[in-house]
Every structure is written in structure tokens, then in C-alpha cells.
Amino acid sequence: MSAGNANLINAVTLIGMGIWGYQATQSFTAFIPVVFGAILLYMTNNIRIHNKAVAHVAVILTLIVLLAIGFRILPKALASGDNMKILRAGSMTLTGVIALIAFIKSFIDAKKARTKG
């Protein structure tokens, strides 16, 4: 999977799950992943055309969101036993991990291409 597609999936998941989370809880903090998702969605086309600076910013944002969800939200969701909270937090965590792997793979491939030619 390309970094652009992984970023797109992650961004859409953050937006969708954040809106769902707000509808379920009426907590405005559920809009935090929506904001990050919107920023990442805006960056998608630049990532697809291999804009290195934008890709690096997207990696940092993805890592910030992943750490926040993976270490704060997901454990709370697991402790609550609420399957819908677990689904929302788990899907955002999973797509964040996939996006990070895709970014790292694309950076490694770009470095290999530069050293070859």
C-alpha cells in the first residue's frame, strides 16, 4: 500500500470515528481526531506526488495521534468494556500503525532509489 493511500485511509478513519465518538458521547474532545484527520486529508495529494516535507509533517502528526490514541484513549476504552469505544479507538490505532508503516517503507524505498541512481 502506498503512503498516500494509507494516509487517506487513516485520515478518513480519524474523521469518521471522531464524528461517531462525538455523536455517542457529546464530548467536544472527540473532535480532536477529526481536526488531525482533516489536516492529514489535506496533505494526501502532496504525499502522493512524493513531497518529502509534507510527508515528514504527516508522519509527525500521525505519530502524535497514534501515541495519544494508543496510550490514552485505547486503554480507557478497554477498561470501560464498551465495545463501541474499543472499536473506535482500535480502528484509529490500527490505521495509524498501517499509515506509519507505509510512510517508513516509502522513505526507505526513496532512499534506496537515491543511492542507486
Protein backbone atom coordinates (compact mmCIF):
# COMPACT_ATOMS: atom_id res chain seq x y z
CA MET A 1 0.00 0.00 0.00
CA SER A 2 1.33 3.43 -0.90
CA ALA A 3 1.90 6.08 1.74
CA GLY A 4 -0.71 8.31 0.10
CA ASN A 5 -3.41 5.64 0.23
CA ALA A 6 -2.53 4.68 3.81
CA ASN A 7 -2.67 8.34 4.82
CA LEU A 8 -6.06 8.72 3.12
CA ILE A 9 -7.49 5.70 4.93
CA ASN A 10 -6.08 6.92 8.25
CA ALA A 11 -7.46 10.44 7.73
CA VAL A 12 -10.94 9.22 6.79
CA THR A 13 -10.95 6.85 9.77
CA LEU A 14 -9.93 9.63 12.16
CA ILE A 15 -12.67 11.89 10.81
CA GLY A 16 -15.35 9.20 10.79
CA MET A 17 -14.56 7.74 14.19
CA GLY A 18 -14.20 11.19 15.74
CA ILE A 19 -17.63 12.26 14.49
CA TRP A 20 -19.11 8.97 15.66
CA GLY A 21 -17.43 9.47 19.04
CA TYR A 22 -18.94 12.94 19.37
CA GLN A 23 -22.40 11.64 18.49
CA ALA A 24 -22.05 8.88 21.08
CA THR A 25 -20.63 11.00 23.90
CA GLN A 26 -21.43 14.66 23.12
CA SER A 27 -17.86 15.42 24.19
CA PHE A 28 -16.09 18.08 22.14
CA THR A 29 -12.75 16.34 22.70
CA ALA A 30 -13.95 13.77 20.17
CA PHE A 31 -13.29 16.43 17.52
CA ILE A 32 -9.53 16.30 18.13
CA PRO A 33 -9.04 13.29 15.81
CA VAL A 34 -11.39 14.98 13.32
CA VAL A 35 -9.10 18.02 13.15
CA PHE A 36 -5.99 15.88 12.74
CA GLY A 37 -7.79 13.76 10.15
CA ALA A 38 -8.79 16.85 8.17
CA ILE A 39 -5.19 18.10 8.17
CA LEU A 40 -3.90 14.70 7.05
CA LEU A 41 -6.62 14.50 4.38
CA TYR A 42 -5.50 17.89 3.05
CA MET A 43 -1.91 16.58 2.80
CA THR A 44 -2.81 13.42 0.87
CA ASN A 45 -2.23 14.72 -2.67
CA ASN A 46 1.18 16.16 -1.76
CA ILE A 47 2.14 12.83 -0.21
CA ARG A 48 1.08 11.04 -3.41
CA ILE A 49 3.36 13.26 -5.51
CA HIS A 50 6.22 12.48 -3.10
CA ASN A 51 6.55 15.89 -1.46
CA LYS A 52 9.12 14.97 1.15
CA ALA A 53 8.48 17.88 3.51
CA VAL A 54 4.72 17.28 3.62
CA ALA A 55 5.26 13.55 4.10
CA HIS A 56 7.51 14.20 7.08
CA VAL A 57 4.96 16.55 8.66
CA ALA A 58 2.25 13.92 8.06
CA VAL A 59 4.40 11.29 9.78
CA ILE A 60 4.84 13.53 12.83
CA LEU A 61 1.10 14.27 13.01
CA THR A 62 0.27 10.59 12.55
CA LEU A 63 2.70 9.64 15.31
CA ILE A 64 1.25 12.24 17.69
CA VAL A 65 -2.30 11.00 17.08
CA LEU A 66 -1.24 7.37 17.31
CA LEU A 67 0.52 7.90 20.64
CA ALA A 68 -2.42 9.85 22.06
CA ILE A 69 -4.98 7.28 20.99
CA GLY A 70 -2.84 4.22 21.64
CA PHE A 71 -1.69 5.22 25.11
CA ARG A 72 -4.61 7.30 26.41
CA ILE A 73 -7.85 6.53 24.61
CA LEU A 74 -7.48 2.82 23.79
CA PRO A 75 -6.58 1.75 27.36
CA LYS A 76 -9.56 3.70 28.73
CA ALA A 77 -11.83 2.13 26.13
CA LEU A 78 -10.55 -1.35 27.01
CA ALA A 79 -11.05 -0.69 30.71
CA SER A 80 -14.60 0.54 30.15
CA GLY A 81 -15.60 -2.65 28.35
CA ASP A 82 -17.68 -0.60 25.89
CA ASN A 83 -17.33 -2.43 22.58
CA MET A 84 -18.12 0.66 20.50
CA LYS A 85 -15.42 2.71 22.25
CA ILE A 86 -12.99 -0.15 21.70
CA LEU A 87 -13.96 -0.34 18.02
CA ARG A 88 -13.48 3.41 17.51
CA ALA A 89 -10.16 3.61 19.35
CA GLY A 90 -8.91 0.33 17.90
CA SER A 91 -9.68 1.29 14.32
CA MET A 92 -7.95 4.66 14.69
CA THR A 93 -4.94 2.94 16.25
CA LEU A 94 -4.80 0.26 13.55
CA THR A 95 -4.99 2.70 10.64
CA GLY A 96 -2.37 4.91 12.31
CA VAL A 97 0.02 1.98 12.59
CA ILE A 98 -0.61 1.00 8.97
CA ALA A 99 0.00 4.58 7.84
CA LEU A 100 3.26 4.80 9.80
CA ILE A 101 4.48 1.52 8.31
CA ALA A 102 3.61 2.75 4.81
CA PHE A 103 5.43 6.04 5.40
CA ILE A 104 8.54 4.30 6.71
CA LYS A 105 8.51 1.90 3.76
CA SER A 106 8.19 4.79 1.31
CA PHE A 107 11.09 6.64 2.98
CA ILE A 108 13.27 3.52 2.78
CA ASP A 109 12.33 2.98 -0.89
CA ALA A 110 13.11 6.63 -1.72
CA LYS A 111 16.49 6.37 -0.02
CA LYS A 112 17.30 3.17 -1.95
CA ALA A 113 16.31 4.87 -5.22
CA ARG A 114 18.56 7.87 -4.46
CA THR A 115 21.57 5.70 -3.67
CA LYS A 116 21.10 3.54 -6.78
CA GLY A 117 20.85 6.29 -9.32
